[in-house]
Protein backbone atom coordinates (compact mmCIF):
# COMPACT_ATOMS: atom_id res chain seq x y z
CA UNK A 1 7.42 -23.14 -4.42
CA UNK A 2 8.23 -19.63 -5.63
CA UNK A 3 8.01 -16.70 -3.23
CA UNK A 4 7.07 -13.25 -4.53
CA UNK A 5 6.37 -9.85 -3.02
CA UNK A 6 3.69 -7.73 -4.66
CA UNK A 7 4.22 -3.97 -4.48
CA UNK A 8 1.44 -1.48 -5.09
CA UNK A 9 1.92 2.30 -5.03
CA UNK A 10 -1.09 4.59 -4.83
CA UNK A 11 -0.48 8.35 -4.85
CA UNK A 12 -3.47 10.32 -3.59
CA UNK A 13 -4.35 13.99 -3.13
CA UNK A 14 -6.70 14.06 -0.15
CA UNK A 15 -8.89 17.10 0.50
CA UNK A 16 -8.87 17.65 4.23
CA UNK A 17 -6.65 16.72 7.12
CA UNK A 18 -5.61 13.74 9.20
CA UNK A 19 -9.16 12.37 9.59
CA UNK A 20 -9.69 12.20 5.84
CA UNK A 21 -6.27 10.62 5.34
CA UNK A 22 -7.07 8.00 8.00
CA UNK A 23 -10.32 7.21 6.15
CA UNK A 24 -8.40 6.74 2.89
CA UNK A 25 -5.94 4.40 4.62
CA UNK A 26 -8.81 2.43 6.13
CA UNK A 27 -10.42 2.16 2.71
CA UNK A 28 -7.21 0.75 1.19
CA UNK A 29 -6.92 -1.69 4.08
CA UNK A 30 -10.49 -2.91 3.48
CA UNK A 31 -9.72 -3.44 -0.20
CA UNK A 32 -6.72 -5.59 0.73
CA UNK A 33 -8.74 -7.53 3.30
CA UNK A 34 -11.23 -8.42 0.58
CA UNK A 35 -8.43 -9.43 -1.80
CA UNK A 36 -6.63 -11.74 0.65
CA UNK A 37 -9.75 -13.25 2.23
CA UNK A 38 -9.60 -16.97 1.55
CA UNK A 39 -6.42 -16.66 -0.53
CA UNK A 40 -4.09 -19.29 0.95
CA UNK A 41 -1.17 -18.03 -1.15
CA UNK A 42 -0.99 -14.79 0.86
CA UNK A 43 1.24 -15.22 3.89
CA UNK A 44 1.42 -11.60 5.08
CA UNK A 45 0.06 -8.23 4.07
CA UNK A 46 0.02 -4.71 5.43
CA UNK A 47 -1.13 -1.25 4.43
CA UNK A 48 0.53 1.97 5.45
CA UNK A 49 -0.02 5.49 4.17
CA UNK A 50 2.68 8.12 4.45
CA UNK A 51 3.01 11.73 3.45
CA UNK A 52 4.43 12.13 -0.02
CA UNK A 53 6.42 14.94 -1.55
CA UNK A 54 6.43 16.11 -5.12
CA UNK A 55 4.30 15.10 -8.06
CA UNK A 56 6.61 12.69 -9.89
CA UNK A 57 5.45 9.09 -9.42
CA UNK A 58 8.12 6.64 -8.25
CA UNK A 59 9.54 3.96 -10.52
CA UNK A 60 8.93 0.87 -8.38
CA UNK A 61 11.17 -1.22 -10.63
CA UNK A 62 14.11 0.85 -9.32
CA UNK A 63 13.12 0.81 -5.66
CA UNK A 64 15.31 -1.11 -3.24
CA UNK A 65 13.88 -2.80 -0.17
CA UNK A 66 15.74 -3.88 2.92
CA UNK A 67 14.74 -5.90 5.93
CA UNK A 68 15.79 -4.81 9.38
């Protein structure tokens, strides 16, 4: 068995405030729910939106992840 972690980055410019951002996060969560439904390979998933700074997209191949 090979374990992998899929990483998806979505940069968004949301017109509005916290309510509109919460709706966007909920929409992304619903997309993931549909993707993992019935997929026995998926062991865990989560969606979290955070404020971003700047306009340069990140290079996810250079990102480092740590577990606490």
